Amino acid sequence: MALPPLLKTLASLCCAGVALSATAGSVSVTVRGQQGQPLVDAVLMLEPLGAKAPVKPMAEVEIGQRQRRFEPLVSVVTAGTAVSFPNRDTVRHHVYSFSPAKKFEIKLYVGKPEKPILFERSGVVVLGCNIHDQMVGWVVVTDTPWWAKTAAPGTARWDEVPNGAYQLRAWHPSLPAGSQGLLKPVTVNGSEQITLDLPAS
């Protein structure tokens, strides 16, 4: 007996959902520090082992300066993203980085610089101010669409991750200078739950 058109459509959607769930899974990560506490501002990146997944540049990203601090302290952007550095203080700043992933400087300025800075390469970029030595910030540039920055619970989750082999990269600003993060192999095949302990405060 032939199914009515509406039932055929519903059956097709149901089968598509089953097929998707069979080829994709979820990954949940909890990040803890040296004392076992949930770690805030940890950057997590799930990187495929093999062909890279496409990523798009992000739009209208800003890293401001207020009260002689970078806001936010830690930023995550995808490769190819342009970032503006508006100075919201009443004093001038001279923002720079000597990091291999991106070397640049914006000389003494107030307000919003004329041009944003383009972050093309993946890696960790340390920000500083040539006038105020206490100012420090970080930009983590990633080339994977599965990334997250932890908040107070120290957790992150990705859904609909294609099954396969990955490496999970975890980075935190209190890791030693120059560290590109801790790596952990991960195989996605269903629902994965991971706890990471970082040597970070």
N, C-alpha and C. Protein backbone atom coordinates (compact mmCIF):
# COMPACT_ATOMS: atom_id res chain seq x y z
N MET A 1 0.85 -1.19 0.00
CA MET A 1 0.00 0.00 0.00
C MET A 1 0.89 1.25 0.00
N ALA A 2 0.66 2.18 -0.92
CA ALA A 2 1.47 3.38 -1.06
C ALA A 2 1.15 4.37 0.05
N LEU A 3 2.20 5.02 0.56
CA LEU A 3 2.02 6.03 1.60
C LEU A 3 1.57 7.35 0.99
N PRO A 4 0.72 8.10 1.66
CA PRO A 4 0.37 9.45 1.20
C PRO A 4 1.62 10.31 1.15
N PRO A 5 1.63 11.37 0.32
CA PRO A 5 2.81 12.22 0.18
C PRO A 5 3.34 12.78 1.50
N LEU A 6 2.43 13.21 2.40
CA LEU A 6 2.87 13.79 3.67
C LEU A 6 3.61 12.76 4.51
N LEU A 7 3.07 11.51 4.55
CA LEU A 7 3.74 10.47 5.33
C LEU A 7 5.09 10.11 4.72
N LYS A 8 5.17 10.14 3.38
CA LYS A 8 6.46 9.87 2.73
C LYS A 8 7.51 10.90 3.15
N THR A 9 7.10 12.17 3.20
CA THR A 9 8.03 13.23 3.60
C THR A 9 8.50 13.03 5.03
N LEU A 10 7.54 12.73 5.94
CA LEU A 10 7.91 12.52 7.34
C LEU A 10 8.84 11.33 7.49
N ALA A 11 8.56 10.26 6.73
CA ALA A 11 9.41 9.08 6.80
C ALA A 11 10.83 9.39 6.32
N SER A 12 10.94 10.22 5.27
CA SER A 12 12.26 10.60 4.75
C SER A 12 13.03 11.41 5.76
N LEU A 13 12.34 12.37 6.42
CA LEU A 13 13.01 13.18 7.43
C LEU A 13 13.48 12.33 8.60
N CYS A 14 12.65 11.36 9.00
CA CYS A 14 13.01 10.48 10.10
C CYS A 14 14.26 9.67 9.75
N CYS A 15 14.30 9.13 8.54
CA CYS A 15 15.46 8.34 8.11
C CYS A 15 16.71 9.21 8.05
N ALA A 16 16.55 10.47 7.60
CA ALA A 16 17.70 11.37 7.52
C ALA A 16 18.25 11.64 8.91
N GLY A 17 17.35 11.80 9.89
CA GLY A 17 17.78 12.03 11.26
C GLY A 17 18.52 10.85 11.82
N VAL A 18 18.05 9.64 11.53
CA VAL A 18 18.73 8.43 11.99
C VAL A 18 20.11 8.33 11.37
N ALA A 19 20.20 8.64 10.06
CA ALA A 19 21.49 8.57 9.37
C ALA A 19 22.47 9.57 9.96
N LEU A 20 21.97 10.80 10.27
CA LEU A 20 22.85 11.82 10.83
C LEU A 20 23.37 11.41 12.20
N SER A 21 22.48 10.90 13.05
CA SER A 21 22.90 10.52 14.39
C SER A 21 23.87 9.34 14.36
N ALA A 22 23.80 8.55 13.30
CA ALA A 22 24.70 7.40 13.18
C ALA A 22 26.10 7.80 12.75
N THR A 23 26.23 8.98 12.12
CA THR A 23 27.54 9.41 11.62
C THR A 23 28.09 10.60 12.38
N ALA A 24 27.40 11.06 13.40
CA ALA A 24 27.87 12.20 14.19
C ALA A 24 27.61 11.94 15.66
N GLY A 25 28.40 12.59 16.50
CA GLY A 25 28.24 12.41 17.93
C GLY A 25 28.39 13.73 18.67
N SER A 26 28.51 13.65 19.97
CA SER A 26 28.69 14.84 20.79
C SER A 26 29.93 14.67 21.66
N VAL A 27 30.52 15.81 22.03
CA VAL A 27 31.71 15.80 22.88
C VAL A 27 31.49 16.81 24.00
N SER A 28 31.58 16.34 25.23
CA SER A 28 31.47 17.21 26.41
C SER A 28 32.82 17.20 27.14
N VAL A 29 33.30 18.39 27.51
CA VAL A 29 34.61 18.51 28.13
C VAL A 29 34.49 19.32 29.43
N THR A 30 35.14 18.84 30.47
CA THR A 30 35.29 19.57 31.72
C THR A 30 36.77 19.82 31.95
N VAL A 31 37.13 21.08 32.22
CA VAL A 31 38.54 21.44 32.40
C VAL A 31 38.76 21.84 33.85
N ARG A 32 39.77 21.22 34.47
CA ARG A 32 40.10 21.51 35.86
C ARG A 32 41.54 22.01 35.97
N GLY A 33 41.77 22.84 37.00
CA GLY A 33 43.10 23.38 37.25
C GLY A 33 43.88 22.54 38.22
N GLN A 34 44.98 23.10 38.73
CA GLN A 34 45.90 22.36 39.58
C GLN A 34 45.26 21.86 40.87
N GLN A 35 44.30 22.60 41.39
CA GLN A 35 43.65 22.20 42.64
C GLN A 35 42.33 21.47 42.39
N GLY A 36 42.09 21.07 41.15
CA GLY A 36 40.85 20.38 40.82
C GLY A 36 39.66 21.31 40.62
N GLN A 37 39.92 22.63 40.59
CA GLN A 37 38.84 23.60 40.45
C GLN A 37 38.46 23.77 38.98
N PRO A 38 37.18 24.10 38.68
CA PRO A 38 36.80 24.41 37.30
C PRO A 38 37.62 25.58 36.77
N LEU A 39 38.12 25.45 35.57
CA LEU A 39 39.04 26.44 35.02
C LEU A 39 38.31 27.36 34.04
N VAL A 40 38.35 28.66 34.36
CA VAL A 40 37.74 29.69 33.51
C VAL A 40 38.75 30.17 32.48
N ASP A 41 38.26 30.56 31.30
CA ASP A 41 39.08 31.09 30.21
C ASP A 41 40.03 30.05 29.61
N ALA A 42 39.70 28.78 29.77
CA ALA A 42 40.43 27.74 29.03
C ALA A 42 39.86 27.68 27.62
N VAL A 43 40.73 27.62 26.63
CA VAL A 43 40.31 27.53 25.24
C VAL A 43 40.43 26.09 24.77
N LEU A 44 39.35 25.56 24.23
CA LEU A 44 39.30 24.18 23.76
C LEU A 44 39.08 24.16 22.26
N MET A 45 39.85 23.31 21.57
CA MET A 45 39.73 23.19 20.11
C MET A 45 39.76 21.72 19.73
N LEU A 46 38.73 21.27 19.06
CA LEU A 46 38.65 19.89 18.59
C LEU A 46 39.12 19.88 17.14
N GLU A 47 40.31 19.33 16.90
CA GLU A 47 40.97 19.42 15.60
C GLU A 47 40.95 18.07 14.90
N PRO A 48 40.34 17.98 13.70
CA PRO A 48 40.29 16.70 12.99
C PRO A 48 41.70 16.22 12.61
N LEU A 49 41.90 14.91 12.69
CA LEU A 49 43.15 14.31 12.21
C LEU A 49 42.91 13.87 10.77
N GLY A 50 43.33 14.68 9.85
CA GLY A 50 43.03 14.42 8.44
C GLY A 50 42.62 15.73 7.79
N ALA A 51 41.66 15.64 6.91
CA ALA A 51 41.19 16.83 6.22
C ALA A 51 40.58 17.82 7.21
N LYS A 52 40.98 19.09 7.09
CA LYS A 52 40.46 20.11 7.99
C LYS A 52 39.02 20.46 7.61
N ALA A 53 38.24 20.77 8.63
CA ALA A 53 36.88 21.23 8.40
C ALA A 53 36.92 22.72 8.05
N PRO A 54 36.08 23.16 7.12
CA PRO A 54 36.12 24.57 6.73
C PRO A 54 35.67 25.49 7.88
N VAL A 55 36.30 26.64 7.96
CA VAL A 55 35.91 27.66 8.94
C VAL A 55 35.73 28.99 8.21
N LYS A 56 34.87 29.82 8.75
CA LYS A 56 34.62 31.13 8.18
C LYS A 56 35.16 32.21 9.12
N PRO A 57 35.68 33.30 8.55
CA PRO A 57 36.09 34.43 9.41
C PRO A 57 34.89 34.96 10.19
N MET A 58 35.15 35.44 11.38
CA MET A 58 34.11 36.01 12.22
C MET A 58 33.95 37.50 11.89
N ALA A 59 32.76 38.03 12.16
CA ALA A 59 32.46 39.41 11.82
C ALA A 59 32.43 40.30 13.06
N GLU A 60 32.91 41.53 12.91
CA GLU A 60 32.79 42.58 13.92
C GLU A 60 33.33 42.15 15.29
N VAL A 61 34.56 41.65 15.30
CA VAL A 61 35.21 41.26 16.56
C VAL A 61 36.01 42.45 17.09
N GLU A 62 35.84 42.72 18.38
CA GLU A 62 36.57 43.80 19.02
C GLU A 62 37.30 43.30 20.26
N ILE A 63 38.49 43.84 20.48
CA ILE A 63 39.21 43.68 21.74
C ILE A 63 39.52 45.09 22.21
N GLY A 64 38.77 45.56 23.19
CA GLY A 64 38.91 46.93 23.64
C GLY A 64 39.92 47.07 24.75
N GLN A 65 40.20 48.32 25.08
CA GLN A 65 41.03 48.64 26.24
C GLN A 65 40.21 49.57 27.13
N ARG A 66 40.05 49.14 28.38
CA ARG A 66 39.32 49.93 29.36
C ARG A 66 39.99 49.76 30.73
N GLN A 67 40.20 50.88 31.41
CA GLN A 67 40.89 50.88 32.70
C GLN A 67 42.24 50.16 32.60
N ARG A 68 42.90 50.39 31.49
CA ARG A 68 44.23 49.83 31.23
C ARG A 68 44.23 48.31 31.29
N ARG A 69 43.18 47.73 30.74
CA ARG A 69 43.08 46.28 30.59
C ARG A 69 42.53 45.97 29.20
N PHE A 70 42.88 44.77 28.70
CA PHE A 70 42.27 44.28 27.47
C PHE A 70 40.94 43.62 27.81
N GLU A 71 39.91 43.91 27.03
CA GLU A 71 38.58 43.32 27.23
C GLU A 71 38.11 42.73 25.89
N PRO A 72 37.91 41.38 25.86
CA PRO A 72 38.15 40.42 26.95
C PRO A 72 39.64 40.11 27.13
N LEU A 73 39.93 39.50 28.26
CA LEU A 73 41.31 39.11 28.53
C LEU A 73 41.79 38.06 27.54
N VAL A 74 40.92 37.08 27.26
CA VAL A 74 41.22 36.01 26.30
C VAL A 74 40.15 36.04 25.21
N SER A 75 40.58 36.12 23.98
CA SER A 75 39.67 36.09 22.84
C SER A 75 40.00 34.89 21.96
N VAL A 76 38.97 34.33 21.32
CA VAL A 76 39.16 33.25 20.36
C VAL A 76 38.56 33.69 19.04
N VAL A 77 39.34 33.59 17.96
CA VAL A 77 38.84 33.95 16.63
C VAL A 77 39.25 32.87 15.65
N THR A 78 38.48 32.74 14.58
CA THR A 78 38.85 31.81 13.52
C THR A 78 39.84 32.48 12.57
N ALA A 79 40.67 31.66 11.93
CA ALA A 79 41.68 32.18 11.01
C ALA A 79 41.01 33.00 9.91
N GLY A 80 41.61 34.15 9.62
CA GLY A 80 41.06 35.04 8.60
C GLY A 80 40.18 36.13 9.17
N THR A 81 40.04 36.19 10.50
CA THR A 81 39.18 37.18 11.14
C THR A 81 39.95 38.49 11.35
N ALA A 82 39.27 39.60 11.07
CA ALA A 82 39.82 40.94 11.33
C ALA A 82 39.30 41.43 12.68
N VAL A 83 40.19 41.95 13.50
CA VAL A 83 39.85 42.37 14.87
C VAL A 83 40.16 43.86 15.04
N SER A 84 39.19 44.59 15.59
CA SER A 84 39.40 46.00 15.92
C SER A 84 39.85 46.13 17.37
N PHE A 85 40.66 47.15 17.64
CA PHE A 85 41.20 47.38 18.98
C PHE A 85 40.83 48.79 19.47
N PRO A 86 39.56 49.04 19.77
CA PRO A 86 39.18 50.38 20.23
C PRO A 86 39.73 50.71 21.61
N ASN A 87 40.28 51.91 21.73
CA ASN A 87 40.79 52.39 23.01
C ASN A 87 39.69 53.20 23.69
N ARG A 88 39.14 52.67 24.77
CA ARG A 88 38.06 53.35 25.50
C ARG A 88 38.58 54.02 26.77
N ASP A 89 39.89 54.13 26.88
CA ASP A 89 40.50 54.84 28.00
C ASP A 89 40.70 56.31 27.63
N THR A 90 41.06 57.11 28.63
CA THR A 90 41.36 58.52 28.39
C THR A 90 42.85 58.74 28.16
N VAL A 91 43.63 57.66 28.20
CA VAL A 91 45.06 57.73 27.91
C VAL A 91 45.33 56.95 26.62
N ARG A 92 46.44 57.27 26.00
CA ARG A 92 46.78 56.60 24.75
C ARG A 92 47.41 55.23 25.02
N HIS A 93 47.20 54.31 24.10
CA HIS A 93 47.81 52.98 24.17
C HIS A 93 48.61 52.73 22.90
N HIS A 94 49.55 51.80 23.02
CA HIS A 94 50.37 51.36 21.89
C HIS A 94 50.34 49.83 21.90
N VAL A 95 49.37 49.26 21.19
CA VAL A 95 49.12 47.82 21.24
C VAL A 95 50.05 47.11 20.26
N TYR A 96 50.60 45.99 20.71
CA TYR A 96 51.54 45.26 19.84
C TYR A 96 51.52 43.77 20.19
N SER A 97 52.14 42.97 19.31
CA SER A 97 52.43 41.57 19.58
C SER A 97 53.69 41.17 18.83
N PHE A 98 54.53 40.38 19.50
CA PHE A 98 55.72 39.82 18.88
C PHE A 98 55.54 38.31 18.62
N SER A 99 54.34 37.80 18.80
CA SER A 99 54.10 36.36 18.68
C SER A 99 54.27 35.89 17.24
N PRO A 100 54.84 34.68 17.03
CA PRO A 100 55.03 34.18 15.67
C PRO A 100 53.73 34.08 14.86
N ALA A 101 52.61 33.79 15.53
CA ALA A 101 51.35 33.65 14.80
C ALA A 101 50.86 34.98 14.24
N LYS A 102 51.25 36.11 14.86
CA LYS A 102 50.87 37.42 14.35
C LYS A 102 51.71 38.50 15.02
N LYS A 103 52.55 39.15 14.22
CA LYS A 103 53.32 40.28 14.71
C LYS A 103 52.71 41.56 14.16
N PHE A 104 52.42 42.51 15.06
CA PHE A 104 51.83 43.78 14.61
C PHE A 104 52.02 44.82 15.69
N GLU A 105 51.75 46.07 15.35
CA GLU A 105 51.69 47.13 16.33
C GLU A 105 50.76 48.23 15.84
N ILE A 106 50.04 48.80 16.80
CA ILE A 106 49.20 49.97 16.54
C ILE A 106 49.79 51.06 17.42
N LYS A 107 50.47 52.01 16.81
CA LYS A 107 51.20 53.01 17.58
C LYS A 107 50.24 53.94 18.31
N LEU A 108 50.79 54.72 19.22
CA LEU A 108 50.01 55.53 20.14
C LEU A 108 48.72 56.07 19.53
N TYR A 109 47.60 55.75 20.17
CA TYR A 109 46.32 56.17 19.61
C TYR A 109 45.26 56.24 20.70
N VAL A 110 44.20 56.94 20.38
CA VAL A 110 42.97 56.95 21.18
C VAL A 110 41.82 56.65 20.22
N GLY A 111 40.67 56.25 20.79
CA GLY A 111 39.53 55.94 19.93
C GLY A 111 39.73 54.65 19.17
N LYS A 112 39.18 54.58 17.98
CA LYS A 112 39.22 53.36 17.17
C LYS A 112 40.22 53.50 16.04
N PRO A 113 41.19 52.59 15.95
CA PRO A 113 42.15 52.66 14.85
C PRO A 113 41.46 52.59 13.49
N GLU A 114 42.10 53.17 12.50
CA GLU A 114 41.50 53.23 11.16
C GLU A 114 41.28 51.84 10.57
N LYS A 115 42.23 50.93 10.78
CA LYS A 115 42.13 49.61 10.18
C LYS A 115 42.19 48.53 11.25
N PRO A 116 41.40 47.45 11.10
CA PRO A 116 41.52 46.31 12.02
C PRO A 116 42.76 45.50 11.70
N ILE A 117 43.10 44.58 12.59
CA ILE A 117 44.23 43.68 12.40
C ILE A 117 43.71 42.33 11.94
N LEU A 118 44.29 41.81 10.87
CA LEU A 118 43.87 40.53 10.30
C LEU A 118 44.71 39.40 10.89
N PHE A 119 44.03 38.41 11.48
CA PHE A 119 44.70 37.25 12.07
C PHE A 119 44.53 36.06 11.11
N GLU A 120 45.56 35.79 10.32
CA GLU A 120 45.47 34.77 9.28
C GLU A 120 45.87 33.38 9.73
N ARG A 121 46.82 33.28 10.67
CA ARG A 121 47.41 31.99 11.03
C ARG A 121 46.93 31.54 12.40
N SER A 122 46.77 30.22 12.54
CA SER A 122 46.38 29.67 13.83
C SER A 122 47.55 29.75 14.81
N GLY A 123 47.23 29.90 16.08
CA GLY A 123 48.25 29.96 17.12
C GLY A 123 47.81 30.90 18.23
N VAL A 124 48.68 31.03 19.22
CA VAL A 124 48.41 31.89 20.38
C VAL A 124 49.16 33.20 20.20
N VAL A 125 48.43 34.30 20.29
CA VAL A 125 49.00 35.64 20.11
C VAL A 125 48.91 36.38 21.45
N VAL A 126 50.06 36.80 21.96
CA VAL A 126 50.11 37.55 23.22
C VAL A 126 50.08 39.05 22.91
N LEU A 127 49.16 39.77 23.56
CA LEU A 127 49.02 41.20 23.35
C LEU A 127 49.70 41.97 24.48
N GLY A 128 50.26 43.11 24.15
CA GLY A 128 50.83 43.98 25.16
C GLY A 128 50.63 45.43 24.78
N CYS A 129 50.98 46.32 25.71
CA CYS A 129 50.94 47.76 25.46
C CYS A 129 52.33 48.30 25.74
N ASN A 130 52.87 49.04 24.80
CA ASN A 130 54.23 49.54 24.92
C ASN A 130 54.34 50.67 25.94
N ILE A 131 53.19 51.18 26.41
CA ILE A 131 53.18 52.26 27.39
C ILE A 131 52.89 51.72 28.78
N HIS A 132 51.99 50.73 28.86
CA HIS A 132 51.57 50.19 30.16
C HIS A 132 51.96 48.72 30.23
N ASP A 133 53.07 48.46 30.89
CA ASP A 133 53.63 47.11 30.90
C ASP A 133 52.72 46.09 31.58
N GLN A 134 51.83 46.54 32.47
CA GLN A 134 50.96 45.59 33.17
C GLN A 134 49.84 45.07 32.28
N MET A 135 49.63 45.69 31.13
CA MET A 135 48.55 45.26 30.24
C MET A 135 48.98 44.02 29.45
N VAL A 136 48.19 42.97 29.53
CA VAL A 136 48.45 41.76 28.76
C VAL A 136 47.12 41.13 28.38
N GLY A 137 47.07 40.56 27.22
CA GLY A 137 45.89 39.85 26.75
C GLY A 137 46.31 38.78 25.76
N TRP A 138 45.36 37.94 25.37
CA TRP A 138 45.67 36.84 24.46
C TRP A 138 44.59 36.70 23.40
N VAL A 139 45.04 36.36 22.20
CA VAL A 139 44.13 36.00 21.11
C VAL A 139 44.52 34.59 20.65
N VAL A 140 43.58 33.66 20.73
CA VAL A 140 43.83 32.31 20.24
C VAL A 140 43.15 32.21 18.87
N VAL A 141 43.96 31.97 17.85
CA VAL A 141 43.45 31.87 16.48
C VAL A 141 43.33 30.39 16.13
N THR A 142 42.14 29.97 15.73
CA THR A 142 41.89 28.56 15.48
C THR A 142 41.46 28.33 14.03
N ASP A 143 41.76 27.13 13.52
CA ASP A 143 41.32 26.77 12.17
C ASP A 143 40.36 25.59 12.20
N THR A 144 39.66 25.43 13.32
CA THR A 144 38.62 24.40 13.40
C THR A 144 37.31 25.06 13.81
N PRO A 145 36.16 24.56 13.32
CA PRO A 145 34.88 25.14 13.74
C PRO A 145 34.45 24.70 15.13
N TRP A 146 35.12 23.70 15.72
CA TRP A 146 34.74 23.21 17.05
C TRP A 146 35.70 23.80 18.08
N TRP A 147 35.32 24.94 18.59
CA TRP A 147 36.13 25.60 19.61
C TRP A 147 35.20 26.20 20.67
N ALA A 148 35.77 26.46 21.85
CA ALA A 148 34.98 27.05 22.94
C ALA A 148 35.93 27.67 23.94
N LYS A 149 35.42 28.62 24.72
CA LYS A 149 36.14 29.20 25.85
C LYS A 149 35.29 28.96 27.09
N THR A 150 35.90 28.36 28.10
CA THR A 150 35.12 27.97 29.28
C THR A 150 34.77 29.18 30.15
N ALA A 151 33.58 29.13 30.74
CA ALA A 151 33.15 30.11 31.73
C ALA A 151 33.30 29.47 33.11
N ALA A 152 32.53 29.96 34.09
CA ALA A 152 32.70 29.51 35.48
C ALA A 152 32.61 27.99 35.68
N PRO A 153 31.69 27.28 34.99
CA PRO A 153 31.64 25.82 35.22
C PRO A 153 32.83 25.05 34.66
N GLY A 154 33.65 25.70 33.82
CA GLY A 154 34.79 25.01 33.23
C GLY A 154 34.41 23.94 32.22
N THR A 155 33.26 24.10 31.57
CA THR A 155 32.77 23.06 30.67
C THR A 155 32.53 23.60 29.26
N ALA A 156 32.49 22.69 28.31
CA ALA A 156 32.14 23.00 26.92
C ALA A 156 31.51 21.75 26.30
N ARG A 157 30.71 21.97 25.25
CA ARG A 157 30.05 20.84 24.59
C ARG A 157 29.86 21.17 23.11
N TRP A 158 30.10 20.18 22.28
CA TRP A 158 29.81 20.28 20.85
C TRP A 158 28.86 19.15 20.46
N ASP A 159 27.86 19.47 19.66
CA ASP A 159 26.94 18.48 19.14
C ASP A 159 27.14 18.32 17.63
N GLU A 160 26.66 17.22 17.10
CA GLU A 160 26.73 16.94 15.66
C GLU A 160 28.17 17.03 15.14
N VAL A 161 29.10 16.44 15.88
CA VAL A 161 30.48 16.35 15.42
C VAL A 161 30.63 15.08 14.60
N PRO A 162 31.09 15.16 13.35
CA PRO A 162 31.25 13.95 12.54
C PRO A 162 32.12 12.92 13.24
N ASN A 163 31.70 11.66 13.18
CA ASN A 163 32.50 10.59 13.77
C ASN A 163 33.89 10.55 13.14
N GLY A 164 34.87 10.23 13.96
CA GLY A 164 36.23 10.14 13.44
C GLY A 164 37.26 10.45 14.50
N ALA A 165 38.50 10.58 14.05
CA ALA A 165 39.63 10.81 14.95
C ALA A 165 39.97 12.29 15.02
N TYR A 166 40.19 12.76 16.23
CA TYR A 166 40.50 14.17 16.48
C TYR A 166 41.61 14.27 17.52
N GLN A 167 42.16 15.47 17.65
CA GLN A 167 42.95 15.78 18.84
C GLN A 167 42.28 16.98 19.51
N LEU A 168 42.16 16.89 20.81
CA LEU A 168 41.59 17.97 21.60
C LEU A 168 42.73 18.81 22.15
N ARG A 169 42.76 20.08 21.77
CA ARG A 169 43.80 21.00 22.24
C ARG A 169 43.19 21.89 23.32
N ALA A 170 43.83 21.95 24.48
CA ALA A 170 43.36 22.77 25.58
C ALA A 170 44.48 23.74 25.97
N TRP A 171 44.13 25.03 26.02
CA TRP A 171 45.11 26.07 26.32
C TRP A 171 44.55 26.99 27.39
N HIS A 172 45.42 27.53 28.23
CA HIS A 172 45.01 28.48 29.26
C HIS A 172 46.12 29.50 29.43
N PRO A 173 45.77 30.78 29.73
CA PRO A 173 46.82 31.80 29.82
C PRO A 173 47.84 31.57 30.92
N SER A 174 47.55 30.76 31.92
CA SER A 174 48.53 30.52 32.98
C SER A 174 49.47 29.36 32.66
N LEU A 175 49.32 28.74 31.48
CA LEU A 175 50.31 27.76 31.04
C LEU A 175 51.63 28.48 30.74
N PRO A 176 52.74 27.74 30.69
CA PRO A 176 54.03 28.40 30.43
C PRO A 176 54.01 29.19 29.13
N ALA A 177 54.74 30.29 29.11
CA ALA A 177 54.82 31.14 27.92
C ALA A 177 55.28 30.32 26.72
N GLY A 178 54.62 30.53 25.61
CA GLY A 178 54.95 29.80 24.39
C GLY A 178 54.22 28.49 24.22
N SER A 179 53.50 28.05 25.24
CA SER A 179 52.77 26.79 25.14
C SER A 179 51.62 26.91 24.15
N GLN A 180 51.48 25.91 23.30
CA GLN A 180 50.36 25.86 22.37
C GLN A 180 49.22 24.99 22.91
N GLY A 181 49.37 24.56 24.15
CA GLY A 181 48.29 23.83 24.81
C GLY A 181 48.57 22.34 24.97
N LEU A 182 47.72 21.71 25.76
CA LEU A 182 47.78 20.26 26.01
C LEU A 182 46.98 19.53 24.94
N LEU A 183 47.53 18.45 24.40
CA LEU A 183 46.86 17.68 23.36
C LEU A 183 46.39 16.34 23.91
N LYS A 184 45.18 15.95 23.50
CA LYS A 184 44.63 14.66 23.91
C LYS A 184 43.91 14.04 22.71
N PRO A 185 44.27 12.79 22.34
CA PRO A 185 43.55 12.14 21.24
C PRO A 185 42.11 11.82 21.63
N VAL A 186 41.21 12.02 20.69
CA VAL A 186 39.78 11.78 20.92
C VAL A 186 39.20 11.07 19.70
N THR A 187 38.43 10.02 19.94
CA THR A 187 37.67 9.37 18.88
C THR A 187 36.20 9.63 19.13
N VAL A 188 35.56 10.28 18.16
CA VAL A 188 34.13 10.59 18.28
C VAL A 188 33.34 9.45 17.66
N ASN A 189 32.51 8.82 18.47
CA ASN A 189 31.64 7.74 17.99
C ASN A 189 30.50 7.58 19.00
N GLY A 190 29.63 8.59 19.00
CA GLY A 190 28.55 8.57 19.98
C GLY A 190 28.67 9.76 20.90
N SER A 191 28.50 9.54 22.18
CA SER A 191 28.57 10.61 23.17
C SER A 191 29.85 10.47 23.98
N GLU A 192 30.76 11.43 23.83
CA GLU A 192 32.05 11.38 24.51
C GLU A 192 32.06 12.39 25.65
N GLN A 193 32.54 11.95 26.81
CA GLN A 193 32.67 12.82 27.98
C GLN A 193 34.11 12.79 28.45
N ILE A 194 34.73 13.97 28.51
CA ILE A 194 36.15 14.06 28.77
C ILE A 194 36.41 15.02 29.92
N THR A 195 37.32 14.66 30.81
CA THR A 195 37.79 15.55 31.86
C THR A 195 39.28 15.80 31.65
N LEU A 196 39.67 17.08 31.60
CA LEU A 196 41.06 17.45 31.40
C LEU A 196 41.58 18.15 32.65
N ASP A 197 42.74 17.75 33.10
CA ASP A 197 43.42 18.42 34.21
C ASP A 197 44.63 19.16 33.64
N LEU A 198 44.60 20.49 33.72
CA LEU A 198 45.69 21.30 33.18
C LEU A 198 46.60 21.77 34.32
N PRO A 199 47.89 21.83 34.08
CA PRO A 199 48.81 22.38 35.09
C PRO A 199 48.73 23.91 35.08
N ALA A 200 47.51 24.41 35.36
CA ALA A 200 47.25 25.85 35.30
C ALA A 200 46.55 26.29 36.56
N SER A 201 46.77 27.54 36.94
CA SER A 201 46.17 28.09 38.15
C SER A 201 44.87 28.80 37.83
